[in-house]
């Protein structure tokens, strides 16, 4: 579900950049989207997840009590 939401957001960004290009013929928004897609999503976020390890996935105790226990797999 999270992957689907992030893909929808990416499609929204790209369509917004394309509309902006058709209106003004300025490429700066396209460059910003490209930098976001290439640097942030492909390099920075995976690096931070690797550095923080299991702490990147930690939740506060109060939030853990509120959220349902969702498990994926057949175990």
N, C-alpha and C. Protein backbone atom coordinates (compact mmCIF):
# COMPACT_ATOMS: atom_id res chain seq x y z
N UNK A 1 0.82 -1.17 0.00
CA UNK A 1 0.00 0.00 0.00
C UNK A 1 0.88 1.26 0.00
N UNK A 2 1.93 1.24 0.81
CA UNK A 2 2.83 2.40 0.87
C UNK A 2 3.52 2.60 -0.48
N UNK A 3 3.89 1.49 -1.11
CA UNK A 3 4.52 1.59 -2.43
C UNK A 3 3.57 2.21 -3.44
N UNK A 4 2.30 1.81 -3.40
CA UNK A 4 1.31 2.36 -4.32
C UNK A 4 1.13 3.86 -4.10
N UNK A 5 1.09 4.28 -2.85
CA UNK A 5 0.94 5.70 -2.55
C UNK A 5 2.15 6.48 -3.04
N UNK A 6 3.35 5.94 -2.84
CA UNK A 6 4.54 6.66 -3.29
C UNK A 6 4.58 6.73 -4.82
N UNK A 7 4.12 5.68 -5.50
CA UNK A 7 4.08 5.71 -6.96
C UNK A 7 3.06 6.74 -7.44
N UNK A 8 1.91 6.81 -6.77
CA UNK A 8 0.92 7.83 -7.13
C UNK A 8 1.50 9.23 -6.96
N UNK A 9 2.24 9.43 -5.88
CA UNK A 9 2.86 10.73 -5.63
C UNK A 9 3.89 11.06 -6.71
N UNK A 10 4.66 10.07 -7.12
CA UNK A 10 5.65 10.27 -8.17
C UNK A 10 4.98 10.62 -9.49
N UNK A 11 3.90 9.91 -9.82
CA UNK A 11 3.16 10.22 -11.05
C UNK A 11 2.59 11.63 -10.97
N UNK A 12 2.07 12.01 -9.81
CA UNK A 12 1.55 13.36 -9.63
C UNK A 12 2.65 14.40 -9.86
N UNK A 13 3.83 14.18 -9.31
CA UNK A 13 4.93 15.12 -9.49
C UNK A 13 5.33 15.24 -10.96
N UNK A 14 5.45 14.10 -11.62
CA UNK A 14 5.85 14.13 -13.03
C UNK A 14 4.79 14.79 -13.91
N UNK A 15 3.52 14.52 -13.66
CA UNK A 15 2.47 15.15 -14.46
C UNK A 15 2.41 16.65 -14.18
N UNK A 16 2.65 17.04 -12.94
CA UNK A 16 2.69 18.46 -12.60
C UNK A 16 3.85 19.16 -13.30
N UNK A 17 5.01 18.51 -13.34
CA UNK A 17 6.17 19.08 -14.04
C UNK A 17 5.89 19.20 -15.54
N UNK A 18 5.22 18.19 -16.12
CA UNK A 18 4.91 18.24 -17.55
C UNK A 18 3.92 19.38 -17.85
N UNK A 19 2.91 19.54 -17.02
CA UNK A 19 1.96 20.64 -17.22
C UNK A 19 2.66 22.00 -17.10
N UNK A 20 3.55 22.11 -16.13
CA UNK A 20 4.30 23.36 -15.96
C UNK A 20 5.16 23.64 -17.20
N UNK A 21 5.77 22.60 -17.75
CA UNK A 21 6.60 22.76 -18.94
C UNK A 21 5.77 23.22 -20.13
N UNK A 22 4.57 22.64 -20.31
CA UNK A 22 3.72 23.02 -21.43
C UNK A 22 3.23 24.47 -21.31
N UNK A 23 3.05 24.95 -20.08
CA UNK A 23 2.60 26.32 -19.89
C UNK A 23 3.71 27.34 -20.07
N UNK A 24 4.89 27.06 -19.52
CA UNK A 24 5.92 28.10 -19.46
C UNK A 24 7.22 27.76 -20.20
N UNK A 25 7.43 26.53 -20.57
CA UNK A 25 8.66 26.07 -21.22
C UNK A 25 9.91 26.36 -20.38
N UNK A 26 9.75 26.30 -19.05
CA UNK A 26 10.90 26.40 -18.14
C UNK A 26 11.21 25.00 -17.63
N UNK A 27 12.50 24.62 -17.59
CA UNK A 27 12.88 23.26 -17.18
C UNK A 27 13.25 23.13 -15.73
N UNK A 28 13.18 24.22 -14.93
CA UNK A 28 13.67 24.17 -13.55
C UNK A 28 12.85 23.20 -12.69
N UNK A 29 11.55 23.15 -12.90
CA UNK A 29 10.72 22.23 -12.12
C UNK A 29 11.06 20.79 -12.48
N UNK A 30 11.30 20.54 -13.75
CA UNK A 30 11.69 19.20 -14.19
C UNK A 30 13.01 18.77 -13.57
N UNK A 31 13.94 19.71 -13.47
CA UNK A 31 15.22 19.41 -12.84
C UNK A 31 15.03 19.10 -11.35
N UNK A 32 14.15 19.85 -10.70
CA UNK A 32 13.87 19.60 -9.28
C UNK A 32 13.27 18.21 -9.08
N UNK A 33 12.34 17.83 -9.94
CA UNK A 33 11.73 16.50 -9.85
C UNK A 33 12.77 15.42 -10.13
N UNK A 34 13.62 15.66 -11.12
CA UNK A 34 14.67 14.69 -11.43
C UNK A 34 15.64 14.53 -10.27
N UNK A 35 16.04 15.63 -9.65
CA UNK A 35 16.93 15.55 -8.49
C UNK A 35 16.26 14.82 -7.34
N UNK A 36 14.97 15.09 -7.14
CA UNK A 36 14.24 14.40 -6.08
C UNK A 36 14.21 12.91 -6.35
N UNK A 37 13.90 12.54 -7.58
CA UNK A 37 13.80 11.13 -7.92
C UNK A 37 15.16 10.43 -7.88
N UNK A 38 16.19 11.08 -8.39
CA UNK A 38 17.49 10.43 -8.49
C UNK A 38 18.27 10.47 -7.18
N UNK A 39 18.39 11.64 -6.59
CA UNK A 39 19.24 11.76 -5.41
C UNK A 39 18.53 11.35 -4.12
N UNK A 40 17.37 11.90 -3.90
CA UNK A 40 16.69 11.66 -2.63
C UNK A 40 16.16 10.23 -2.55
N UNK A 41 15.38 9.83 -3.53
CA UNK A 41 14.71 8.52 -3.45
C UNK A 41 15.62 7.34 -3.75
N UNK A 42 16.62 7.52 -4.61
CA UNK A 42 17.48 6.39 -4.96
C UNK A 42 18.78 6.33 -4.18
N UNK A 43 19.23 7.46 -3.62
CA UNK A 43 20.53 7.47 -2.93
C UNK A 43 20.37 7.81 -1.45
N UNK A 44 19.79 8.95 -1.14
CA UNK A 44 19.76 9.43 0.23
C UNK A 44 18.92 8.56 1.16
N UNK A 45 17.70 8.26 0.80
CA UNK A 45 16.82 7.48 1.67
C UNK A 45 17.37 6.07 1.92
N UNK A 46 17.78 5.31 0.90
CA UNK A 46 18.36 3.99 1.19
C UNK A 46 19.63 4.07 2.05
N UNK A 47 20.44 5.11 1.85
CA UNK A 47 21.64 5.28 2.67
C UNK A 47 21.29 5.53 4.12
N UNK A 48 20.32 6.41 4.35
CA UNK A 48 19.89 6.69 5.73
C UNK A 48 19.29 5.45 6.38
N UNK A 49 18.52 4.67 5.63
CA UNK A 49 17.96 3.45 6.19
C UNK A 49 19.06 2.46 6.56
N UNK A 50 20.12 2.41 5.77
CA UNK A 50 21.24 1.52 6.06
C UNK A 50 22.01 2.00 7.29
N UNK A 51 22.22 3.30 7.40
CA UNK A 51 22.97 3.86 8.52
C UNK A 51 22.23 3.66 9.84
N UNK A 52 20.93 3.96 9.84
CA UNK A 52 20.16 3.86 11.08
C UNK A 52 19.74 2.44 11.42
N UNK A 53 19.82 1.54 10.45
CA UNK A 53 19.52 0.14 10.70
C UNK A 53 18.11 -0.07 11.22
N UNK A 54 17.98 -0.86 12.27
CA UNK A 54 16.65 -1.18 12.79
C UNK A 54 15.99 0.03 13.45
N UNK A 55 16.79 1.02 13.83
CA UNK A 55 16.21 2.22 14.45
C UNK A 55 15.42 3.07 13.46
N UNK A 56 15.68 2.89 12.17
CA UNK A 56 14.92 3.62 11.15
C UNK A 56 13.47 3.16 11.11
N UNK A 57 13.22 1.92 11.59
CA UNK A 57 11.88 1.36 11.55
C UNK A 57 11.20 1.38 12.91
N UNK A 58 11.85 1.96 13.90
CA UNK A 58 11.29 1.98 15.25
C UNK A 58 10.09 2.92 15.33
N UNK A 59 9.12 2.54 16.15
CA UNK A 59 7.94 3.37 16.40
C UNK A 59 7.88 3.70 17.88
N UNK A 60 7.35 4.87 18.22
CA UNK A 60 7.15 5.16 19.63
C UNK A 60 6.17 4.17 20.23
N UNK A 61 6.32 3.89 21.52
CA UNK A 61 5.49 2.89 22.18
C UNK A 61 4.01 3.25 22.10
N UNK A 62 3.67 4.54 22.28
CA UNK A 62 2.26 4.94 22.25
C UNK A 62 1.65 4.73 20.86
N UNK A 63 2.45 4.91 19.82
CA UNK A 63 1.96 4.70 18.47
C UNK A 63 1.83 3.21 18.17
N UNK A 64 2.72 2.42 18.69
CA UNK A 64 2.68 0.98 18.48
C UNK A 64 1.41 0.38 19.09
N UNK A 65 0.94 0.94 20.21
CA UNK A 65 -0.30 0.46 20.82
C UNK A 65 -1.52 0.84 19.99
N UNK A 66 -1.47 1.96 19.29
CA UNK A 66 -2.62 2.43 18.51
C UNK A 66 -2.76 1.73 17.15
N UNK A 67 -1.63 1.39 16.54
CA UNK A 67 -1.65 0.80 15.22
C UNK A 67 -1.98 -0.69 15.28
N UNK A 68 -2.68 -1.21 14.27
CA UNK A 68 -2.96 -2.66 14.26
C UNK A 68 -1.70 -3.45 13.97
N UNK A 69 -1.69 -4.70 14.37
CA UNK A 69 -0.56 -5.60 14.14
C UNK A 69 -0.74 -6.27 12.77
N UNK A 70 -0.09 -5.73 11.76
CA UNK A 70 -0.21 -6.25 10.40
C UNK A 70 1.03 -7.05 10.09
N UNK A 71 0.84 -8.28 9.63
CA UNK A 71 1.96 -9.15 9.29
C UNK A 71 1.79 -9.63 7.85
N UNK A 72 2.88 -9.72 7.13
CA UNK A 72 2.87 -10.22 5.77
C UNK A 72 3.57 -11.56 5.76
N UNK A 73 3.05 -12.49 5.02
CA UNK A 73 3.65 -13.81 4.94
C UNK A 73 2.66 -14.87 5.41
N UNK A 74 3.16 -16.07 5.48
CA UNK A 74 2.30 -17.21 5.84
C UNK A 74 2.62 -17.77 7.21
N UNK A 75 3.39 -17.08 8.01
CA UNK A 75 3.77 -17.60 9.32
C UNK A 75 2.66 -17.43 10.34
